[in-house]
Amino acid sequence: MSEIINNSKERKSKLKALILKLHEGASEQEVRDELLQSLSQIPYGEVVEVEQELINEGLPEEEVLRLCDAHSAVLHGNVDLSANKEIPDGHPVDTLIKENEALRNLGKLIKELIAGIPANTESEIESVILQLRGFFNNLMDVDKHYQRKEYLLFPFLEKLDITGPPKVMWGKHDEIREQIKGSIELLQTGNIGKDDLLFSAEMVLLPAVSGVIDMTVKEEEILLPMSLDALTEPDWYEIQKQSIEIGFCLIDPKTWWKPAWVGNNILKEMNKTSDHVQLPSGSFSVEELLAILNTLPVDMTFVDKDDKVKYFSQGNERIFQRNRAILNRDVRHCHPPASAHIVDKIIDDFKTGKASRAPFWINMKGKMIHIEYFALRNEAGEYLGTLEMSHDISVYRALEGEQRILSYSK
């Protein structure tokens, strides 16, 4: 046994044999027992190399994908992470790990809610379903986490001829996304009774949650340590700069990591072309435009023509709090499930041209808040998206008389 433990070639050979044993139909428990007997800890890099070798030797990627959950379950807790590098706050890997923590916490809430269903009465099931719909809408945020891996991290790995793990993981991402979408569609079906919900939870909802949680383990035990070893600091900074275009999952990173050799003007770094925005009636620098948008006495949120949240203003006195976790999220998932059908109706009316604005007003914490949605269209009348504007109009309702500019004083 000591020869295997101290010999990388022998370890990889043994691990490959065990994975192939799974391929031939052996149970996870049988393979795990054999793993524990012959290999105590396996360096994560060797796990990656074995997956790559299996694909290179002809094991179809679909088969590696099918085995992915099984051999991850067998390896869990037996991957040697002792050589892990220190991760700076706000680094892309730090953000992925913090998102994983948020996903695991959300998964725990979903599992606890489902576990309580047997004690619920039939009259309480509708409330449970609404809560589950909200939770699964949030769980769909994992799509942004996966997209940052797929479109930003994986290309750097593939340039280094590390192609196996990215392909296998991407396939698992697609499976998980479909499971979550299926869960959301199921929870939107009317007239779900208690027995039907329990059955659906066992067959659809819980497998979706398990898929998400299992992927966090695969990332933290295999993918991220390997990536930290393989990628350079400039690689990571390129990933960092592009991450905001895709958005973040459930969290808003509090720290924005940049290497010591990068300058201090983050706006110029994030806007890779010019610091100048030219419009038909004038122009701004990016810094000036940002100051204007954040000084206007209204909250603004822009939703593009594909119904994804793309921008929100960051004034000092926002009425409704926003954070960057909502960027690139479907706007329907940013509202309570009970009002999602109203959001659908407004967007549909805007897209078809039936309406171009939808005003609302509410009393909130002693203030009168005016909320209005505007359809944005180009000169040809084509729908570009929706602008939401929220405004505390209490001060205007209380105005009397006049205050002219000549009366200005401080």
Protein backbone atom coordinates (compact mmCIF):
# COMPACT_ATOMS: atom_id res chain seq x y z
CA MET A 1 0.00 0.00 0.00
CA SER A 2 2.81 2.44 0.87
CA GLU A 3 4.20 2.05 -2.64
CA ILE A 4 0.89 3.20 -4.10
CA ILE A 5 0.56 6.11 -1.65
CA ASN A 6 4.03 7.41 -2.53
CA ASN A 7 3.91 6.80 -6.29
CA SER A 8 1.88 9.15 -8.47
CA LYS A 9 1.83 6.79 -11.45
CA GLU A 10 0.54 3.92 -9.32
CA ARG A 11 -2.07 6.14 -7.65
CA LYS A 12 -3.41 7.32 -10.99
CA SER A 13 -3.43 3.77 -12.34
CA LYS A 14 -5.38 2.58 -9.30
CA LEU A 15 -7.82 5.50 -9.49
CA LYS A 16 -8.40 4.89 -13.19
CA ALA A 17 -9.11 1.22 -12.49
CA LEU A 18 -11.62 2.17 -9.80
CA ILE A 19 -13.45 4.63 -12.07
CA LEU A 20 -13.60 2.00 -14.81
CA LYS A 21 -14.98 -0.39 -12.21
CA LEU A 22 -17.85 2.03 -11.73
CA HIS A 23 -18.23 2.07 -15.51
CA GLU A 24 -18.61 -1.70 -15.45
CA GLY A 25 -21.42 -1.50 -12.89
CA ALA A 26 -19.79 -1.82 -9.45
CA SER A 27 -21.60 -0.02 -6.64
CA GLU A 28 -20.36 3.31 -5.29
CA GLN A 29 -19.98 1.82 -1.81
CA GLU A 30 -17.89 -1.10 -3.07
CA VAL A 31 -15.56 1.22 -4.99
CA ARG A 32 -15.36 3.68 -2.10
CA ASP A 33 -14.40 0.89 0.32
CA GLU A 34 -11.66 -0.26 -2.05
CA LEU A 35 -10.47 3.34 -2.48
CA LEU A 36 -10.17 3.80 1.28
CA GLN A 37 -8.25 0.55 1.60
CA SER A 38 -5.69 1.36 -1.09
CA LEU A 39 -5.58 5.18 -1.31
CA SER A 40 -6.05 7.51 1.64
CA GLN A 41 -5.66 10.94 -0.03
CA ILE A 42 -5.44 11.73 -3.75
CA PRO A 43 -3.89 15.00 -5.00
CA TYR A 44 -6.58 16.91 -6.92
CA GLY A 45 -4.29 17.29 -9.93
CA GLU A 46 -4.16 13.53 -10.35
CA VAL A 47 -7.95 13.29 -10.38
CA VAL A 48 -8.00 15.81 -13.24
CA GLU A 49 -5.28 13.95 -15.12
CA VAL A 50 -7.13 10.64 -14.81
CA GLU A 51 -10.37 12.15 -16.18
CA GLN A 52 -8.41 13.61 -19.10
CA GLU A 53 -6.66 10.31 -19.78
CA LEU A 54 -9.95 8.40 -19.80
CA ILE A 55 -11.34 10.74 -22.45
CA ASN A 56 -8.11 10.64 -24.48
CA GLU A 57 -8.18 6.84 -24.38
CA GLY A 58 -11.63 6.71 -25.90
CA LEU A 59 -14.11 6.62 -23.02
CA PRO A 60 -16.95 8.75 -24.47
CA GLU A 61 -17.46 12.13 -22.82
CA GLU A 62 -21.12 11.18 -22.25
CA GLU A 63 -19.96 8.16 -20.26
CA VAL A 64 -17.53 10.25 -18.20
CA LEU A 65 -20.47 12.60 -17.60
CA ARG A 66 -22.64 9.69 -16.46
CA LEU A 67 -19.91 8.55 -14.09
CA CYS A 68 -19.17 12.07 -12.86
CA ASP A 69 -21.61 12.01 -9.93
CA ALA A 70 -20.64 8.49 -8.95
CA HIS A 71 -16.90 8.95 -8.88
CA SER A 72 -17.27 12.39 -7.24
CA ALA A 73 -19.29 10.74 -4.47
CA VAL A 74 -16.61 8.09 -4.10
CA LEU A 75 -13.80 10.68 -3.97
CA HIS A 76 -15.55 13.18 -1.69
CA GLY A 77 -13.44 13.74 1.39
CA ASN A 78 -10.48 11.82 -0.04
CA VAL A 79 -9.01 14.56 -2.25
CA ASP A 80 -5.84 16.12 -0.85
CA LEU A 81 -6.30 19.91 -0.70
CA SER A 82 -3.24 20.60 1.45
CA ALA A 83 -1.44 22.40 -1.38
CA ASN A 84 -4.25 24.93 -1.90
CA LYS A 85 -3.09 28.48 -2.49
CA GLU A 86 -4.24 31.46 -0.43
CA ILE A 87 -7.06 33.26 -2.25
CA PRO A 88 -7.27 37.09 -2.06
CA ASP A 89 -10.59 38.72 -1.13
CA GLY A 90 -12.65 39.50 -4.22
CA HIS A 91 -10.59 37.22 -6.49
CA PRO A 92 -12.76 35.33 -9.03
CA VAL A 93 -12.17 32.09 -7.11
CA ASP A 94 -13.08 33.78 -3.81
CA THR A 95 -16.33 34.96 -5.42
CA LEU A 96 -17.14 31.48 -6.75
CA ILE A 97 -16.57 29.95 -3.30
CA LYS A 98 -18.76 32.57 -1.59
CA GLU A 99 -21.48 31.94 -4.19
CA ASN A 100 -21.20 28.23 -3.43
CA GLU A 101 -21.75 28.95 0.25
CA ALA A 102 -24.87 30.98 -0.62
CA LEU A 103 -26.10 28.14 -2.86
CA ARG A 104 -25.60 25.57 -0.10
CA ASN A 105 -27.49 27.79 2.35
CA LEU A 106 -30.34 28.14 -0.13
CA GLY A 107 -30.34 24.39 -0.72
CA LYS A 108 -30.60 23.84 3.03
CA LEU A 109 -33.66 26.13 3.22
CA ILE A 110 -35.33 24.25 0.36
CA LYS A 111 -34.65 20.87 1.95
CA GLU A 112 -35.98 22.05 5.34
CA LEU A 113 -39.15 23.39 3.73
CA ILE A 114 -39.71 20.13 1.85
CA ALA A 115 -39.01 18.08 4.98
CA GLY A 116 -41.82 19.96 6.74
CA ILE A 117 -44.46 19.19 4.09
CA PRO A 118 -45.81 16.03 5.83
CA ALA A 119 -46.75 18.17 8.84
CA ASN A 120 -48.54 20.78 6.68
CA THR A 121 -52.30 20.74 6.17
CA GLU A 122 -53.74 20.85 2.65
CA SER A 123 -54.72 24.48 3.25
CA GLU A 124 -51.06 25.36 3.97
CA ILE A 125 -49.68 23.75 0.80
CA GLU A 126 -50.36 26.79 -1.42
CA SER A 127 -48.15 28.93 0.85
CA VAL A 128 -45.42 26.26 0.78
CA ILE A 129 -45.55 26.19 -3.03
CA LEU A 130 -45.19 29.98 -3.20
CA GLN A 131 -42.14 29.80 -0.92
CA LEU A 132 -40.64 27.01 -3.03
CA ARG A 133 -41.22 28.99 -6.22
CA GLY A 134 -39.33 31.92 -4.71
CA PHE A 135 -36.48 29.66 -3.59
CA PHE A 136 -36.18 27.97 -6.99
CA ASN A 137 -36.30 31.32 -8.79
CA ASN A 138 -33.27 32.25 -6.66
CA LEU A 139 -31.64 28.87 -7.30
CA MET A 140 -31.81 29.57 -11.04
CA ASP A 141 -29.26 32.31 -10.32
CA VAL A 142 -26.69 29.51 -10.45
CA ASP A 143 -26.86 29.93 -14.23
CA LYS A 144 -24.64 33.04 -13.93
CA HIS A 145 -22.17 31.13 -11.76
CA TYR A 146 -21.99 28.41 -14.43
CA GLN A 147 -21.75 30.89 -17.31
CA ARG A 148 -18.71 32.56 -15.72
CA LYS A 149 -17.06 29.15 -15.56
CA GLU A 150 -18.08 28.20 -19.10
CA TYR A 151 -17.26 31.43 -20.93
CA LEU A 152 -14.48 32.92 -18.81
CA LEU A 153 -12.64 30.14 -16.93
CA PHE A 154 -12.92 27.12 -19.23
CA PRO A 155 -11.36 28.83 -22.30
CA PHE A 156 -8.17 29.50 -20.31
CA LEU A 157 -8.03 25.84 -19.23
CA GLU A 158 -8.62 24.62 -22.78
CA LYS A 159 -5.70 26.74 -24.00
CA LEU A 160 -3.58 24.62 -21.65
CA ASP A 161 -5.04 21.41 -23.14
CA ILE A 162 -7.12 20.80 -20.02
CA THR A 163 -10.29 19.88 -21.91
CA GLY A 164 -11.76 16.89 -20.10
CA PRO A 165 -12.98 18.39 -16.80
CA PRO A 166 -14.50 21.50 -18.48
CA LYS A 167 -16.47 19.36 -20.95
CA VAL A 168 -17.70 17.04 -18.22
CA MET A 169 -18.68 19.94 -15.96
CA TRP A 170 -20.43 21.84 -18.76
CA GLY A 171 -22.55 18.78 -19.41
CA LYS A 172 -23.46 18.62 -15.70
CA HIS A 173 -24.32 22.34 -15.76
CA ASP A 174 -26.81 21.73 -18.56
CA GLU A 175 -28.39 18.85 -16.64
CA ILE A 176 -28.74 20.96 -13.50
CA ARG A 177 -30.19 23.94 -15.40
CA GLU A 178 -32.83 21.69 -16.94
CA GLN A 179 -33.66 20.23 -13.51
CA ILE A 180 -34.17 23.70 -12.03
CA LYS A 181 -36.25 24.86 -15.00
CA GLY A 182 -38.37 21.72 -14.66
CA SER A 183 -38.83 22.44 -10.95
CA ILE A 184 -39.96 26.02 -11.63
CA GLU A 185 -42.41 24.89 -14.32
CA LEU A 186 -43.80 22.21 -12.00
CA LEU A 187 -44.29 24.70 -9.15
CA GLN A 188 -46.15 27.04 -11.49
CA THR A 189 -48.70 24.32 -12.26
CA GLY A 190 -52.02 24.98 -10.56
CA ASN A 191 -53.91 22.68 -8.18
CA ILE A 192 -50.96 20.82 -6.69
CA GLY A 193 -52.08 18.81 -3.68
CA LYS A 194 -49.97 17.68 -0.76
CA ASP A 195 -49.38 14.15 -2.08
CA ASP A 196 -48.50 15.47 -5.54
CA LEU A 197 -46.05 17.96 -4.02
CA LEU A 198 -44.33 15.26 -1.96
CA PHE A 199 -43.98 13.07 -5.04
CA SER A 200 -42.67 15.98 -7.12
CA ALA A 201 -40.22 16.92 -4.39
CA GLU A 202 -38.76 13.41 -4.38
CA MET A 203 -38.60 13.05 -8.17
CA VAL A 204 -37.76 16.60 -9.33
CA LEU A 205 -37.13 19.25 -6.70
CA LEU A 206 -34.65 17.48 -4.42
CA PRO A 207 -32.56 16.06 -7.31
CA ALA A 208 -32.19 19.63 -8.65
CA VAL A 209 -30.99 20.89 -5.27
CA SER A 210 -28.61 17.92 -4.88
CA GLY A 211 -27.19 18.59 -8.34
CA VAL A 212 -26.35 22.18 -7.39
CA ILE A 213 -24.81 21.22 -4.04
CA ASP A 214 -22.80 18.34 -5.52
CA MET A 215 -21.36 20.70 -8.12
CA THR A 216 -20.09 23.04 -5.38
CA VAL A 217 -18.08 20.10 -4.03
CA LYS A 218 -16.66 19.23 -7.47
CA GLU A 219 -15.58 22.84 -7.90
CA GLU A 220 -13.94 23.28 -4.52
CA GLU A 221 -12.21 19.89 -4.43
CA ILE A 222 -11.12 19.64 -8.07
CA LEU A 223 -11.76 22.53 -10.47
CA LEU A 224 -10.76 25.58 -8.46
CA PRO A 225 -7.53 24.22 -6.92
CA MET A 226 -6.48 22.98 -10.36
CA SER A 227 -7.33 26.36 -11.95
CA LEU A 228 -5.37 28.30 -9.33
CA ASP A 229 -2.32 26.17 -10.19
CA ALA A 230 -2.78 26.47 -13.94
CA LEU A 231 -3.76 30.11 -14.60
CA THR A 232 -1.58 33.20 -14.31
CA GLU A 233 -2.44 36.44 -12.54
CA PRO A 234 -3.14 38.24 -15.88
CA ASP A 235 -5.49 35.35 -16.80
CA TRP A 236 -7.42 35.81 -13.55
CA TYR A 237 -7.57 39.58 -14.03
CA GLU A 238 -9.06 39.15 -17.50
CA ILE A 239 -11.70 36.86 -15.96
CA GLN A 240 -12.31 39.47 -13.24
CA LYS A 241 -12.86 42.31 -15.71
CA GLN A 242 -15.38 40.32 -17.74
CA SER A 243 -17.25 38.81 -14.79
CA ILE A 244 -19.55 41.78 -14.25
CA GLU A 245 -20.88 41.43 -17.82
CA ILE A 246 -22.34 38.05 -16.85
CA GLY A 247 -23.25 38.92 -13.26
CA PHE A 248 -23.00 37.25 -9.88
CA CYS A 249 -24.98 34.49 -8.19
CA LEU A 250 -26.95 35.37 -5.02
CA ILE A 251 -24.20 37.65 -3.66
CA ASP A 252 -22.73 41.06 -4.44
CA PRO A 253 -18.93 40.87 -4.03
CA LYS A 254 -17.88 43.48 -1.48
CA THR A 255 -14.27 43.63 -2.66
CA TRP A 256 -13.08 44.06 -6.25
CA TRP A 257 -9.76 42.25 -6.61
CA LYS A 258 -7.06 43.60 -8.89
CA PRO A 259 -3.35 42.76 -9.09
CA ALA A 260 -0.85 45.26 -7.69
CA TRP A 261 0.32 46.16 -11.21
CA VAL A 262 -3.13 47.47 -12.24
CA GLY A 263 -3.87 51.20 -11.96
CA ASN A 264 -6.51 52.71 -9.69
CA ASN A 265 -9.05 53.84 -12.32
CA ILE A 266 -11.40 50.86 -12.19
CA LEU A 267 -13.94 52.52 -14.51
CA LYS A 268 -11.38 52.76 -17.31
CA GLU A 269 -10.31 49.18 -16.70
CA MET A 270 -13.91 47.93 -16.89
CA ASN A 271 -14.67 49.99 -20.03
CA LYS A 272 -12.11 48.48 -22.34
CA THR A 273 -12.68 50.82 -25.30
CA SER A 274 -12.93 54.55 -24.60
CA ASP A 275 -13.63 56.73 -21.58
CA HIS A 276 -15.92 58.80 -23.83
CA VAL A 277 -19.65 58.31 -24.47
CA GLN A 278 -20.83 60.24 -27.56
CA LEU A 279 -24.58 60.85 -28.00
CA PRO A 280 -26.45 62.87 -30.69
CA SER A 281 -26.97 65.83 -28.33
CA GLY A 282 -23.64 65.80 -26.52
CA SER A 283 -21.10 63.65 -24.74
CA PHE A 284 -19.83 62.55 -21.33
CA SER A 285 -16.89 60.76 -19.86
CA VAL A 286 -17.86 57.46 -18.21
CA GLU A 287 -17.14 59.06 -14.83
CA GLU A 288 -19.44 62.02 -15.60
CA LEU A 289 -22.24 59.78 -16.84
CA LEU A 290 -22.02 57.61 -13.73
CA ALA A 291 -22.25 60.71 -11.50
CA ILE A 292 -25.31 61.97 -13.41
CA LEU A 293 -27.18 58.67 -13.19
CA ASN A 294 -26.43 58.31 -9.49
CA THR A 295 -27.41 61.92 -8.70
CA LEU A 296 -30.85 61.89 -10.32
CA PRO A 297 -33.50 61.77 -7.52
CA VAL A 298 -35.01 58.54 -8.87
CA ASP A 299 -34.12 54.85 -8.73
CA MET A 300 -33.62 53.40 -12.21
CA THR A 301 -33.41 49.78 -13.30
CA PHE A 302 -33.01 48.73 -16.94
CA VAL A 303 -34.28 45.38 -18.24
CA ASP A 304 -33.20 44.47 -21.78
CA LYS A 305 -35.34 43.04 -24.60
CA ASP A 306 -34.52 39.51 -23.42
CA ASP A 307 -36.03 40.31 -19.97
CA LYS A 308 -32.65 40.32 -18.19
CA VAL A 309 -31.73 42.99 -15.62
CA LYS A 310 -28.72 44.82 -17.10
CA TYR A 311 -28.28 47.98 -15.01
CA PHE A 312 -29.44 49.81 -11.88
CA SER A 313 -28.53 53.25 -10.58
CA GLN A 314 -26.67 53.53 -7.29
CA GLY A 315 -27.91 56.75 -5.68
CA ASN A 316 -27.33 57.42 -2.00
CA GLU A 317 -31.00 57.16 -1.05
CA ARG A 318 -32.36 54.23 -3.03
CA ILE A 319 -35.98 53.35 -2.28
CA PHE A 320 -35.72 49.70 -3.24
CA GLN A 321 -32.35 48.12 -2.52
CA ARG A 322 -30.49 46.48 -5.40
CA ASN A 323 -27.20 44.59 -5.57
CA ARG A 324 -25.18 43.17 -8.42
CA ALA A 325 -26.53 39.68 -7.83
CA ILE A 326 -29.61 40.72 -9.86
CA LEU A 327 -27.57 41.56 -12.98
CA ASN A 328 -28.44 39.22 -15.85
CA ARG A 329 -31.22 37.66 -13.77
CA ASP A 330 -34.61 37.19 -15.45
CA VAL A 331 -36.74 40.09 -14.24
CA ARG A 332 -39.56 37.70 -13.30
CA HIS A 333 -37.26 36.12 -10.73
CA CYS A 334 -36.69 39.52 -9.11
CA HIS A 335 -40.33 39.79 -8.02
CA PRO A 336 -42.36 37.73 -5.55
CA PRO A 337 -43.88 34.66 -7.28
CA ALA A 338 -47.40 35.94 -6.54
CA SER A 339 -46.82 38.99 -8.79
CA ALA A 340 -44.83 37.28 -11.56
CA HIS A 341 -47.92 37.05 -13.80
CA ILE A 342 -48.36 40.85 -13.60
CA VAL A 343 -44.73 41.36 -14.64
CA ASP A 344 -45.38 38.99 -17.56
CA LYS A 345 -48.44 41.01 -18.58
CA ILE A 346 -46.61 44.36 -18.50
CA ILE A 347 -43.69 43.01 -20.56
CA ASP A 348 -46.04 41.39 -23.07
CA ASP A 349 -48.01 44.63 -23.47
CA PHE A 350 -44.78 46.56 -24.00
CA LYS A 351 -43.42 44.08 -26.55
CA THR A 352 -46.66 43.98 -28.55
CA GLY A 353 -47.07 47.76 -28.46
CA LYS A 354 -50.33 47.57 -26.52
CA ALA A 355 -48.83 49.84 -23.84
CA SER A 356 -45.75 51.98 -23.35
CA ARG A 357 -45.95 52.85 -19.67
CA ALA A 358 -47.39 51.36 -16.48
CA PRO A 359 -47.61 53.64 -13.41
CA PHE A 360 -48.22 52.56 -9.78
CA TRP A 361 -48.04 54.32 -6.44
CA ILE A 362 -47.85 52.96 -2.92
CA ASN A 363 -47.58 54.19 0.67
CA MET A 364 -44.40 52.82 2.24
CA LYS A 365 -43.00 53.75 5.65
CA GLY A 366 -44.88 57.04 5.68
CA LYS A 367 -43.78 58.01 2.17
CA MET A 368 -45.69 58.16 -1.10
CA ILE A 369 -43.67 56.17 -3.66
CA HIS A 370 -44.37 56.51 -7.38
CA ILE A 371 -43.23 53.55 -9.52
CA GLU A 372 -43.47 53.59 -13.28
CA TYR A 373 -42.38 51.20 -16.01
CA PHE A 374 -41.55 52.62 -19.46
CA ALA A 375 -41.15 50.70 -22.71
CA LEU A 376 -37.92 51.72 -24.45
CA ARG A 377 -38.03 51.76 -28.24
CA ASN A 378 -35.62 52.83 -30.98
CA GLU A 379 -36.47 55.26 -33.78
CA ALA A 380 -38.00 52.41 -35.78
CA GLY A 381 -40.32 51.57 -32.88
CA GLU A 382 -38.55 48.30 -32.06
CA TYR A 383 -38.68 47.23 -28.42
CA LEU A 384 -35.32 47.62 -26.64
CA GLY A 385 -36.32 46.87 -23.07
CA THR A 386 -38.03 48.33 -20.01
CA LEU A 387 -36.97 51.14 -17.69
CA GLU A 388 -38.28 51.04 -14.12
CA MET A 389 -38.24 54.35 -12.23
CA SER A 390 -39.12 54.72 -8.54
CA HIS A 391 -39.44 58.10 -6.86
CA ASP A 392 -40.33 59.38 -3.39
CA ILE A 393 -42.88 62.09 -4.28
CA SER A 394 -43.86 62.97 -0.71
CA VAL A 395 -41.93 66.24 -0.78
CA TYR A 396 -43.68 67.35 -3.99
CA ARG A 397 -47.15 66.59 -2.63
CA ALA A 398 -46.40 68.87 0.32
CA LEU A 399 -45.26 71.90 -1.77
CA GLU A 400 -47.13 75.19 -1.49
CA GLY A 401 -46.56 78.61 -2.96
CA GLU A 402 -43.32 79.21 -4.88
CA GLN A 403 -39.59 79.08 -4.40
CA ARG A 404 -37.92 80.85 -7.29
CA ILE A 405 -34.23 80.63 -8.18
CA LEU A 406 -33.66 84.17 -6.93
CA SER A 407 -34.58 83.04 -3.41
CA TYR A 408 -31.71 80.55 -3.32
CA SER A 409 -29.55 80.83 -0.21
CA LYS A 410 -27.57 78.60 2.11
